[in-house]
Amino acid sequence: MTAQAYPPGVPCWVETIHPEPLRALAFYHELFGWDASAPGPIPQGGEYYVARLHGDDVAGIATLPPGGVAEPAWTTYVRVERLEDTVARVVAAGGHVIVAPLDAPPAGRLAIVAAPTGATFGLWEPGSRPGAQRINEPSAWAMSSIRTRSLEAALPFYSTVFGWDAQPFALGGAPGALLRLPGYVGGLAQQPVPRDVVALAVADDSLHADNWSVDFWIDDVDAAVERVAKSGGSVVKPPFAAPPLRRAVIACPAGAIFTISQPMPNGGL
């Protein structure tokens, strides 16, 4: 489906940083069929590509910043009204700033912050780019999840910063919560969760916990996993059932981890 606008408090964009953006583009083209715009410069140095599906913006692919501080990863951005105001709420709620507010003209303004649990995410004050134009369909971004060792520590932070309410929810047997923004209407009428859901929170005590996980829909998880191995990526976790989804955990050639999900017939029942 196509998305026209994102209200404040709604995740709106995902991007990955990679030491070799052209290699990343080739990988995601093979996996998802993405094309890309001509590169543009980024404030820290390097190039920024906008990945496109059927001519619509779906994600960003950027050069890994110099200095070796950051690692290849996927970042989720949440739409905000006033960047500095939201950064102040993050700090007041116990989070901290990783990248202070900066301009990315003409697309918008951004900051990178971290929750008290360590999960890193972005804030986006839009200019010409509101966010992803195509979502919730095969080869497009579907949902982002907060994977945390402590739901009790994580959930109050996001409630304070964005006004999200938490509703208990289990995905594949793991305890978690649906994060809902009162008054928001998104998604699809037939989706299995309320239409004001903006993200998931999942209890996770693995090595990859305390981060934001990006999930893309796929039309065939098993076929996609075969393409991953052929294009330089790796399978972190082979396809598994997590009703109502069949999922796999993937790493790109540089090691950035994400998930792919295929809705199961009849919700896996």
Protein backbone atom coordinates (compact mmCIF):
# COMPACT_ATOMS: atom_id res chain seq x y z
CA MET A 1 0.00 0.00 0.00
CA THR A 2 1.10 3.60 -0.45
CA ALA A 3 1.45 6.05 2.43
CA GLN A 4 0.79 9.76 2.00
CA ALA A 5 1.66 11.22 5.41
CA TYR A 6 2.75 10.26 8.91
CA PRO A 7 1.42 12.05 12.02
CA PRO A 8 3.88 12.91 14.80
CA GLY A 9 4.69 9.84 16.89
CA VAL A 10 4.47 7.37 14.00
CA PRO A 11 7.53 5.52 12.63
CA CYS A 12 7.98 6.82 9.09
CA TRP A 13 11.30 5.75 7.58
CA VAL A 14 14.01 3.10 7.76
CA GLU A 15 17.59 3.28 6.57
CA THR A 16 20.75 1.21 6.73
CA ILE A 17 24.39 2.25 6.86
CA HIS A 18 26.93 0.16 4.98
CA PRO A 19 30.68 0.43 4.27
CA GLU A 20 29.96 -0.35 0.60
CA PRO A 21 26.58 1.13 -0.37
CA LEU A 22 26.76 -0.17 -3.92
CA ARG A 23 27.25 -3.71 -2.61
CA ALA A 24 24.27 -3.20 -0.30
CA LEU A 25 22.17 -1.95 -3.22
CA ALA A 26 23.04 -5.06 -5.22
CA PHE A 27 22.07 -7.29 -2.27
CA TYR A 28 18.70 -5.62 -1.68
CA HIS A 29 17.98 -5.51 -5.40
CA GLU A 30 18.45 -9.27 -5.53
CA LEU A 31 16.39 -9.85 -2.37
CA PHE A 32 13.58 -7.32 -2.76
CA GLY A 33 13.83 -6.00 -6.32
CA TRP A 34 14.70 -2.50 -5.12
CA ASP A 35 16.07 0.11 -7.49
CA ALA A 36 17.73 3.29 -6.24
CA SER A 37 18.01 7.00 -6.91
CA ALA A 38 21.23 8.67 -7.92
CA PRO A 39 23.33 9.24 -4.80
CA GLY A 40 23.22 12.46 -2.83
CA PRO A 41 25.73 13.73 -0.26
CA ILE A 42 25.19 13.30 3.49
CA PRO A 43 26.34 15.74 6.20
CA GLN A 44 28.88 13.35 7.77
CA GLY A 45 30.45 12.61 4.37
CA GLY A 46 29.66 9.80 1.94
CA GLU A 47 26.66 9.05 -0.22
CA TYR A 48 22.96 8.48 0.39
CA TYR A 49 20.74 6.40 -1.87
CA VAL A 50 16.95 6.21 -1.71
CA ALA A 51 15.78 2.67 -2.46
CA ARG A 52 12.61 2.44 -4.52
CA LEU A 53 9.97 -0.19 -5.21
CA HIS A 54 7.69 0.35 -8.21
CA GLY A 55 8.99 3.93 -8.35
CA ASP A 56 8.13 4.75 -4.72
CA ASP A 57 10.58 5.48 -1.88
CA VAL A 58 10.88 2.56 0.57
CA ALA A 59 14.19 2.92 2.46
CA GLY A 60 17.55 4.68 2.64
CA ILE A 61 21.03 3.21 2.12
CA ALA A 62 23.90 5.36 3.36
CA THR A 63 27.66 5.21 3.61
CA LEU A 64 28.90 4.04 6.99
CA PRO A 65 30.23 7.16 8.78
CA PRO A 66 34.02 7.42 8.99
CA GLY A 67 35.80 6.72 12.25
CA GLY A 68 34.51 3.22 12.94
CA VAL A 69 32.15 4.30 15.75
CA ALA A 70 28.95 3.00 14.17
CA GLU A 71 28.37 -0.52 12.88
CA PRO A 72 26.27 -1.60 9.88
CA ALA A 73 22.66 -1.62 11.04
CA TRP A 74 19.08 -0.71 10.21
CA THR A 75 17.62 2.39 11.89
CA THR A 76 13.94 3.25 12.33
CA TYR A 77 12.92 6.93 12.33
CA VAL A 78 9.87 8.29 14.16
CA ARG A 79 8.12 11.36 12.77
CA VAL A 80 8.22 14.35 15.12
CA GLU A 81 6.78 17.86 15.01
CA ARG A 82 9.71 19.78 16.51
CA LEU A 83 13.02 17.95 16.62
CA GLU A 84 14.61 19.85 19.51
CA ASP A 85 11.51 19.46 21.67
CA THR A 86 11.49 15.68 21.18
CA VAL A 87 15.23 15.41 21.86
CA ALA A 88 14.64 17.25 25.14
CA ARG A 89 11.93 14.73 26.11
CA VAL A 90 14.27 11.86 25.27
CA VAL A 91 16.94 13.23 27.61
CA ALA A 92 14.43 14.05 30.37
CA ALA A 93 13.12 10.47 30.20
CA GLY A 94 16.59 9.00 30.70
CA GLY A 95 17.71 8.55 27.10
CA HIS A 96 20.70 10.16 25.44
CA VAL A 97 21.67 11.80 22.17
CA ILE A 98 23.98 10.01 19.74
CA VAL A 99 23.72 12.41 16.79
CA ALA A 100 22.53 15.92 17.66
CA PRO A 101 19.88 17.53 15.45
CA LEU A 102 21.19 18.27 11.98
CA ASP A 103 19.81 19.35 8.63
CA ALA A 104 19.49 16.97 5.67
CA PRO A 105 18.14 19.39 3.06
CA PRO A 106 15.77 19.33 1.35
CA ALA A 107 14.47 16.05 2.79
CA GLY A 108 14.22 17.14 6.44
CA ARG A 109 16.03 17.24 9.76
CA LEU A 110 17.14 14.33 11.93
CA ALA A 111 18.65 13.23 15.20
CA ILE A 112 19.77 9.80 16.44
CA VAL A 113 18.97 8.97 20.05
CA ALA A 114 18.97 5.99 22.41
CA ALA A 115 16.51 4.79 25.00
CA PRO A 116 17.71 4.10 28.58
CA THR A 117 17.86 0.40 27.65
CA GLY A 118 20.32 1.20 24.82
CA ALA A 119 18.00 0.77 21.83
CA THR A 120 18.96 3.30 19.15
CA PHE A 121 16.47 4.99 16.84
CA GLY A 122 16.04 8.12 14.76
CA LEU A 123 13.83 11.20 14.94
CA TRP A 124 12.64 12.78 11.70
CA GLU A 125 11.24 16.27 11.18
CA PRO A 126 10.19 16.14 7.53
CA GLY A 127 10.91 18.61 4.78
CA SER A 128 10.33 17.32 1.26
CA ARG A 129 10.36 13.64 2.35
CA PRO A 130 7.54 12.67 4.76
CA GLY A 131 8.72 9.06 4.91
CA ALA A 132 8.34 5.75 3.11
CA GLN A 133 5.87 5.97 0.25
CA ARG A 134 5.15 2.25 -0.02
CA ILE A 135 4.66 0.00 3.03
CA ASN A 136 2.92 -3.19 4.17
CA GLU A 137 3.33 -5.17 0.97
CA PRO A 138 5.84 -7.73 -0.33
CA SER A 139 9.39 -6.30 -0.52
CA ALA A 140 8.44 -3.23 1.56
CA TRP A 141 8.88 -2.29 5.20
CA ALA A 142 6.05 -3.59 7.36
CA MET A 143 6.80 -2.92 11.02
CA SER A 144 9.60 -2.15 13.44
CA SER A 145 9.99 -3.88 16.78
CA ILE A 146 11.75 -2.91 19.98
CA ARG A 147 13.56 -5.98 21.23
CA THR A 148 14.48 -5.54 24.86
CA ARG A 149 15.66 -7.45 27.90
CA SER A 150 13.31 -5.38 30.06
CA LEU A 151 9.84 -4.42 28.90
CA GLU A 152 9.32 -2.77 32.29
CA ALA A 153 12.22 -0.37 31.63
CA ALA A 154 11.54 0.26 27.96
CA LEU A 155 7.79 0.89 27.75
CA PRO A 156 7.51 3.93 30.11
CA PHE A 157 10.25 5.71 28.14
CA TYR A 158 8.37 5.50 24.83
CA SER A 159 5.12 6.48 26.52
CA THR A 160 6.78 9.64 27.88
CA VAL A 161 8.48 10.58 24.61
CA PHE A 162 5.75 9.71 22.07
CA GLY A 163 2.55 9.13 24.06
CA TRP A 164 2.40 5.46 23.10
CA ASP A 165 0.16 3.10 25.07
CA ALA A 166 1.21 -0.52 25.57
CA GLN A 167 -1.19 -3.44 25.18
CA PRO A 168 0.09 -6.91 26.17
CA PHE A 169 0.70 -9.07 23.12
CA ALA A 170 2.70 -12.22 22.33
CA LEU A 171 4.47 -12.86 19.02
CA GLY A 172 5.50 -16.44 18.42
CA GLY A 173 5.12 -17.17 22.12
CA ALA A 174 7.44 -14.37 23.30
CA PRO A 175 5.85 -11.85 25.70
CA GLY A 176 5.58 -8.34 24.39
CA ALA A 177 3.28 -5.40 23.73
CA LEU A 178 1.51 -3.63 20.92
CA LEU A 179 2.52 0.02 21.02
CA ARG A 180 -0.49 2.15 20.15
CA LEU A 181 -0.84 5.86 19.42
CA PRO A 182 -4.33 6.96 20.50
CA GLY A 183 -6.23 8.57 17.64
CA TYR A 184 -3.96 7.28 14.89
CA VAL A 185 -5.55 5.31 12.05
CA GLY A 186 -3.06 3.51 9.81
CA GLY A 187 -2.44 0.12 8.32
CA LEU A 188 -5.19 -1.92 6.73
CA ALA A 189 -8.75 -2.56 7.85
CA GLN A 190 -8.21 -6.35 7.64
CA GLN A 191 -4.95 -6.43 9.59
CA PRO A 192 -4.83 -8.66 12.71
CA VAL A 193 -3.90 -5.83 15.13
CA PRO A 194 -5.67 -2.50 15.85
CA ARG A 195 -5.03 0.22 13.28
CA ASP A 196 -3.49 2.56 15.85
CA VAL A 197 -0.52 0.19 16.38
CA VAL A 198 2.75 1.91 15.46
CA ALA A 199 5.36 -0.63 16.67
CA LEU A 200 5.87 -3.80 18.65
CA ALA A 201 7.88 -4.42 21.80
CA VAL A 202 9.19 -7.95 22.37
CA ALA A 203 11.00 -9.44 25.36
CA ASP A 204 14.33 -10.83 24.16
CA ASP A 205 17.38 -11.95 26.14
CA SER A 206 19.54 -12.80 23.10
CA LEU A 207 22.75 -11.10 21.98
CA HIS A 208 20.73 -8.94 19.59
CA ALA A 209 18.38 -7.56 22.24
CA ASP A 210 17.96 -3.91 23.24
CA ASN A 211 17.66 -2.61 19.72
CA TRP A 212 15.09 -1.73 17.10
CA SER A 213 14.48 -4.55 14.63
CA VAL A 214 13.23 -3.75 11.12
CA ASP A 215 10.86 -6.18 9.42
CA PHE A 216 10.05 -6.44 5.71
CA TRP A 217 7.20 -8.39 4.20
CA ILE A 218 8.07 -10.99 1.60
CA ASP A 219 5.88 -13.11 -0.65
CA ASP A 220 7.90 -16.32 -0.06
CA VAL A 221 10.24 -16.57 2.95
CA ASP A 222 11.89 -19.81 1.84
CA ALA A 223 12.65 -18.56 -1.67
CA ALA A 224 14.01 -15.30 -0.23
CA VAL A 225 16.36 -17.21 2.10
CA GLU A 226 17.81 -19.02 -0.91
CA ARG A 227 18.45 -15.66 -2.62
CA VAL A 228 20.20 -14.33 0.50
CA ALA A 229 22.90 -17.00 0.38
CA LYS A 230 23.52 -16.42 -3.32
CA SER A 231 23.90 -12.66 -2.97
CA GLY A 232 26.46 -12.42 -0.16
CA GLY A 233 24.18 -12.21 2.88
CA SER A 234 23.70 -14.77 5.64
CA VAL A 235 20.81 -16.45 7.41
CA VAL A 236 20.94 -15.72 11.14
CA LYS A 237 17.82 -17.76 11.86
CA PRO A 238 16.23 -20.04 9.24
CA PRO A 239 12.50 -19.79 8.47
CA PHE A 240 10.30 -20.45 11.48
CA ALA A 241 6.64 -20.12 12.41
CA ALA A 242 5.64 -17.20 14.62
CA PRO A 243 1.86 -17.12 14.05
CA PRO A 244 0.40 -15.23 12.31
CA LEU A 245 3.72 -14.98 10.41
CA ARG A 246 6.40 -17.21 8.95
CA ARG A 247 9.70 -15.42 9.51
CA ALA A 248 13.47 -15.54 9.06
CA VAL A 249 16.29 -13.41 10.44
CA ILE A 250 18.77 -12.17 7.84
CA ALA A 251 22.08 -10.30 7.80
CA CYS A 252 23.24 -8.23 4.82
CA PRO A 253 26.81 -8.70 3.48
CA ALA A 254 28.13 -6.18 6.05
CA GLY A 255 26.22 -7.76 8.95
CA ALA A 256 23.18 -5.47 9.37
CA ILE A 257 20.41 -7.65 10.77
CA PHE A 258 16.72 -7.50 9.82
CA THR A 259 13.75 -9.86 9.55
CA ILE A 260 11.53 -10.93 6.69
CA SER A 261 7.97 -12.08 7.27
CA GLN A 262 5.29 -13.84 5.26
CA PRO A 263 1.69 -13.85 6.50
CA MET A 264 0.56 -17.41 7.17
CA PRO A 265 -2.70 -18.70 5.68
CA ASN A 266 -5.54 -18.29 8.18
CA GLY A 267 -3.07 -16.72 10.62
CA GLY A 268 -1.25 -20.05 11.02
CA LEU A 269 -4.25 -21.72 12.65
